[in-house]
Amino acid sequence: MARVKQTDRAEARRRYRQATSQEAAIDGAADDAPAEPGDGKAEAARAGRPTKSTAGKPAGAKQQPAARPGITTAFRAAYHPAHFREDFAALPGLLRHYAFFVPVAMIVVGTVVASIFFNYTGGQFAWQILVSPGSGFGLPQLVTGFFAPRASYMLGFIVSVIQGIAATIFLLALSDRLGHPFPSDQIPGLLLQAFVAGPVSGTLFAAAAAWYRRFLALSGPKRTAANTRSQSRSASRGGSRR
């Protein structure tokens, strides 16, 4: 009986060792098996490794700078239609902008210079480019249109009306002191030009200057290169922060 009990115990120990070795072999095979595709993403996400973003682009990839538009595209994109309601609502703030009061100051200074030095070349030059409406280069209106943040046509019209008032004062109040530099038959035509042709041409001059400013901003290679450099710097800073 003792021999039979010892045989049973030995057999039980042998079966236990065999079951333990089989479980260890199964665990080792599971460790050597290739990982599933989803497991890699989860581990990479847990480890903080860059994965593909929702847009399908790598998260660490730099954004490519936009290409400079062509001349025809910039020519069309520089045109902005007039929004009368919004521009009229923004007019009080625009009248405090330097794009308005600097051209008005130019007209006042030109009127003073023309009235004092009209018999000289400088006085006549100031009259032609700063005071006389609808003539010369429309310099005050060009300054208005080039620097106005919006509603350049509206500011150009107002500046032209102020220019017409300055020209009227110059013609009627200062002509006696200057010895009537303009014949009396020309004054009605000059007044008509001051309040009809002057505001119309001034509005067009200001709108054209605003269009030209936007055209330069769209097609200028220097500004495009500067924008590209700033974008690359911001992208590199963002990458370094990560």
Protein backbone atom coordinates (compact mmCIF):
# COMPACT_ATOMS: atom_id res chain seq x y z
CA MET A 1 0.00 0.00 0.00
CA ALA A 2 2.84 2.41 0.75
CA ARG A 3 4.40 1.70 -2.62
CA VAL A 4 1.13 2.46 -4.43
CA LYS A 5 0.74 5.80 -2.59
CA GLN A 6 4.29 6.83 -3.53
CA THR A 7 3.63 5.97 -7.19
CA ASP A 8 0.43 8.10 -7.18
CA ARG A 9 2.26 11.04 -5.66
CA ALA A 10 5.07 10.83 -8.23
CA GLU A 11 2.53 10.69 -11.05
CA ALA A 12 0.71 13.76 -9.66
CA ARG A 13 3.97 15.71 -9.44
CA ARG A 14 4.88 14.76 -13.04
CA ARG A 15 1.49 15.95 -14.33
CA TYR A 16 1.82 19.25 -12.41
CA ARG A 17 5.27 19.91 -13.91
CA GLN A 18 3.99 19.10 -17.41
CA ALA A 19 0.98 21.49 -17.05
CA THR A 20 3.27 24.26 -15.72
CA SER A 21 5.70 23.92 -18.65
CA GLN A 22 2.86 24.03 -21.19
CA GLU A 23 1.50 27.28 -19.67
CA ALA A 24 4.97 28.88 -19.78
CA ALA A 25 5.35 27.90 -23.47
CA ILE A 26 1.97 29.46 -24.30
CA ASP A 27 2.91 32.72 -22.52
CA GLY A 28 6.24 32.93 -24.38
CA ALA A 29 4.56 32.45 -27.74
CA ALA A 30 2.10 35.21 -26.94
CA ASP A 31 4.94 37.60 -26.09
CA ASP A 32 6.73 36.85 -29.39
CA ALA A 33 3.59 37.35 -31.52
CA PRO A 34 3.47 40.57 -33.72
CA ALA A 35 1.42 43.41 -32.32
CA GLU A 36 -1.95 44.32 -33.83
CA PRO A 37 -2.21 47.52 -35.92
CA GLY A 38 -4.38 49.24 -33.33
CA ASP A 39 -1.98 48.48 -30.51
CA GLY A 40 0.82 50.47 -32.15
CA LYS A 41 -1.30 53.59 -32.38
CA ALA A 42 -2.37 53.28 -28.78
CA GLU A 43 1.22 52.75 -27.60
CA ALA A 44 2.43 55.64 -29.75
CA ALA A 45 -0.30 57.86 -28.36
CA ARG A 46 0.60 56.83 -24.82
CA ALA A 47 4.29 57.47 -25.45
CA GLY A 48 3.58 60.90 -26.93
CA ARG A 49 4.83 60.01 -30.41
CA PRO A 50 3.47 62.04 -33.38
CA THR A 51 0.61 60.34 -35.19
CA LYS A 52 -1.44 61.35 -38.16
CA SER A 53 -3.89 64.16 -37.51
CA THR A 54 -7.56 64.16 -38.34
CA ALA A 55 -6.85 65.99 -41.59
CA GLY A 56 -4.58 63.15 -42.78
CA LYS A 57 -1.36 65.20 -42.56
CA PRO A 58 1.52 64.48 -40.18
CA ALA A 59 1.20 66.50 -37.00
CA GLY A 60 4.80 67.71 -37.15
CA ALA A 61 4.75 68.68 -40.82
CA LYS A 62 5.29 72.37 -41.64
CA GLN A 63 2.56 74.23 -43.49
CA GLN A 64 3.59 75.16 -46.99
CA PRO A 65 3.43 78.93 -47.68
CA ALA A 66 0.82 80.09 -50.16
CA ALA A 67 2.12 80.79 -53.62
CA ARG A 68 2.24 84.37 -54.86
CA PRO A 69 -0.76 85.07 -57.13
CA GLY A 70 -0.25 86.09 -60.71
CA ILE A 71 -0.62 89.63 -62.04
CA THR A 72 -4.09 88.96 -63.46
CA THR A 73 -5.30 87.34 -60.25
CA ALA A 74 -3.91 90.18 -58.13
CA PHE A 75 -5.46 92.70 -60.54
CA ARG A 76 -8.91 91.20 -60.00
CA ALA A 77 -8.54 90.48 -56.29
CA ALA A 78 -7.47 94.07 -55.57
CA TYR A 79 -10.92 95.30 -56.54
CA HIS A 80 -13.28 95.58 -53.56
CA PRO A 81 -16.92 96.56 -54.10
CA ALA A 82 -18.31 99.48 -52.14
CA HIS A 83 -20.43 98.70 -49.08
CA PHE A 84 -22.28 101.97 -48.54
CA ARG A 85 -24.02 101.12 -45.27
CA GLU A 86 -20.95 99.73 -43.53
CA ASP A 87 -18.73 102.53 -44.88
CA PHE A 88 -21.16 105.23 -43.80
CA ALA A 89 -21.40 103.68 -40.32
CA ALA A 90 -17.58 103.69 -40.06
CA LEU A 91 -17.29 107.28 -41.34
CA PRO A 92 -17.05 109.02 -37.90
CA GLY A 93 -14.02 106.94 -37.00
CA LEU A 94 -12.48 107.44 -40.44
CA LEU A 95 -12.70 111.22 -40.11
CA ARG A 96 -10.31 110.93 -37.15
CA HIS A 97 -7.84 108.84 -39.16
CA TYR A 98 -4.63 110.39 -40.46
CA ALA A 99 -5.68 109.41 -43.99
CA PHE A 100 -8.26 112.20 -43.72
CA PHE A 101 -6.76 115.00 -41.64
CA VAL A 102 -3.30 114.85 -43.27
CA PRO A 103 -4.71 115.61 -46.78
CA VAL A 104 -6.88 118.36 -45.25
CA ALA A 105 -3.76 119.85 -43.65
CA MET A 106 -2.02 119.64 -47.03
CA ILE A 107 -4.87 121.62 -48.62
CA VAL A 108 -4.75 124.30 -45.89
CA VAL A 109 -0.97 124.64 -46.17
CA GLY A 110 -1.20 124.78 -49.96
CA THR A 111 -3.82 127.54 -49.77
CA VAL A 112 -1.63 129.60 -47.43
CA VAL A 113 1.48 129.11 -49.58
CA ALA A 114 -0.43 129.92 -52.79
CA SER A 115 -1.93 133.07 -51.30
CA ILE A 116 1.43 134.37 -50.07
CA PHE A 117 3.76 133.27 -52.89
CA PHE A 118 1.43 133.06 -55.86
CA ASN A 119 3.67 135.30 -57.95
CA TYR A 120 6.44 132.75 -57.52
CA THR A 121 6.86 129.28 -58.94
CA GLY A 122 6.40 127.62 -55.56
CA GLY A 123 3.07 129.35 -54.94
CA GLN A 124 1.69 128.42 -58.34
CA PHE A 125 2.91 124.85 -57.87
CA ALA A 126 1.11 124.64 -54.51
CA TRP A 127 -2.05 125.94 -56.17
CA GLN A 128 -1.90 123.36 -58.93
CA ILE A 129 -1.27 120.21 -56.90
CA LEU A 130 -2.93 121.03 -53.56
CA VAL A 131 -5.67 123.64 -54.00
CA SER A 132 -7.00 123.61 -57.55
CA PRO A 133 -9.75 120.91 -57.74
CA GLY A 134 -9.66 118.37 -60.54
CA SER A 135 -6.25 119.44 -61.81
CA GLY A 136 -2.70 118.37 -61.26
CA PHE A 137 -2.14 114.93 -59.76
CA GLY A 138 -4.91 115.05 -57.15
CA LEU A 139 -2.25 114.61 -54.49
CA PRO A 140 -4.50 114.99 -51.40
CA GLN A 141 -6.97 112.45 -52.79
CA LEU A 142 -4.18 110.03 -53.66
CA VAL A 143 -2.84 110.23 -50.10
CA THR A 144 -6.34 109.66 -48.76
CA GLY A 145 -6.96 106.59 -50.90
CA PHE A 146 -3.57 105.04 -50.31
CA PHE A 147 -3.74 105.17 -46.51
CA ALA A 148 -7.47 104.93 -45.80
CA PRO A 149 -8.35 101.67 -44.00
CA ARG A 150 -11.70 101.53 -45.83
CA ALA A 151 -14.23 103.76 -47.66
CA SER A 152 -11.47 105.50 -49.61
CA TYR A 153 -13.95 106.75 -52.22
CA MET A 154 -16.05 108.42 -49.50
CA LEU A 155 -13.06 110.11 -47.89
CA GLY A 156 -11.83 111.19 -51.31
CA PHE A 157 -15.18 112.87 -51.99
CA ILE A 158 -15.11 114.75 -48.67
CA VAL A 159 -11.52 115.86 -49.18
CA SER A 160 -12.46 117.11 -52.65
CA VAL A 161 -15.34 119.16 -51.24
CA ILE A 162 -12.99 120.71 -48.68
CA GLN A 163 -10.56 121.42 -51.50
CA GLY A 164 -13.33 123.14 -53.44
CA ILE A 165 -14.15 125.34 -50.44
CA ALA A 166 -10.47 126.28 -50.09
CA ALA A 167 -10.26 127.10 -53.79
CA THR A 168 -13.40 129.27 -53.55
CA ILE A 169 -11.96 131.20 -50.61
CA PHE A 170 -8.74 131.66 -52.54
CA LEU A 171 -10.54 132.90 -55.66
CA LEU A 172 -13.04 135.25 -54.00
CA ALA A 173 -11.35 136.49 -50.84
CA LEU A 174 -7.71 136.63 -51.84
CA SER A 175 -7.91 137.63 -55.49
CA ASP A 176 -8.20 141.34 -54.64
CA ARG A 177 -5.01 141.25 -52.63
CA LEU A 178 -3.22 139.29 -55.35
CA GLY A 179 -4.29 141.68 -58.08
CA HIS A 180 -6.93 139.38 -59.64
CA PRO A 181 -4.66 136.61 -60.97
CA PHE A 182 -7.64 134.97 -62.71
CA PRO A 183 -9.85 136.82 -65.19
CA SER A 184 -13.43 137.40 -64.06
CA ASP A 185 -14.88 135.32 -66.89
CA GLN A 186 -12.90 132.25 -65.71
CA ILE A 187 -14.13 132.31 -62.11
CA PRO A 188 -17.57 130.69 -62.80
CA GLY A 189 -15.84 127.85 -64.63
CA LEU A 190 -13.37 127.42 -61.76
CA LEU A 191 -16.20 127.31 -59.21
CA LEU A 192 -18.05 124.74 -61.31
CA GLN A 193 -14.89 122.68 -61.46
CA ALA A 194 -14.43 123.04 -57.70
CA PHE A 195 -17.82 121.55 -56.78
CA VAL A 196 -18.65 119.25 -59.72
CA ALA A 197 -15.58 117.97 -61.57
CA GLY A 198 -13.36 118.14 -58.48
CA PRO A 199 -15.41 115.81 -56.22
CA VAL A 200 -15.99 113.34 -59.05
CA SER A 201 -12.33 113.12 -60.04
CA GLY A 202 -11.24 113.13 -56.38
CA THR A 203 -13.47 110.16 -55.62
CA LEU A 204 -12.00 108.25 -58.55
CA PHE A 205 -8.43 109.20 -57.60
CA ALA A 206 -8.90 107.97 -54.01
CA ALA A 207 -10.52 104.70 -55.12
CA ALA A 208 -7.72 104.11 -57.64
CA ALA A 209 -5.06 104.72 -54.98
CA ALA A 210 -6.75 102.22 -52.63
CA TRP A 211 -6.91 99.65 -55.42
CA TYR A 212 -3.23 100.19 -56.22
CA ARG A 213 -2.28 99.69 -52.56
CA ARG A 214 -4.10 96.34 -52.46
CA PHE A 215 -2.58 95.35 -55.79
CA LEU A 216 0.92 95.99 -54.44
CA ALA A 217 0.13 93.99 -51.30
CA LEU A 218 -1.00 91.00 -53.37
CA SER A 219 1.66 91.00 -56.08
CA GLY A 220 4.70 92.46 -54.32
CA PRO A 221 7.49 89.84 -54.18
CA LYS A 222 9.23 91.49 -51.23
CA ARG A 223 6.18 91.34 -49.01
CA THR A 224 5.46 87.78 -50.13
CA ALA A 225 8.99 86.73 -49.20
CA ALA A 226 8.64 88.42 -45.82
CA ASN A 227 5.37 86.60 -45.20
CA THR A 228 7.02 83.30 -46.15
CA ARG A 229 9.89 83.92 -43.74
CA SER A 230 7.51 84.86 -40.92
CA GLN A 231 5.45 81.72 -41.53
CA SER A 232 8.54 79.52 -41.48
CA ARG A 233 9.74 81.15 -38.25
CA SER A 234 6.39 80.67 -36.55
CA ALA A 235 6.30 77.04 -37.69
CA SER A 236 9.81 76.39 -36.38
CA ARG A 237 8.97 78.00 -33.05
CA GLY A 238 5.87 75.89 -32.76
CA GLY A 239 7.90 72.75 -33.50
CA SER A 240 10.54 73.64 -30.91
CA ARG A 241 7.91 74.19 -28.25
CA ARG A 242 6.65 70.69 -28.80
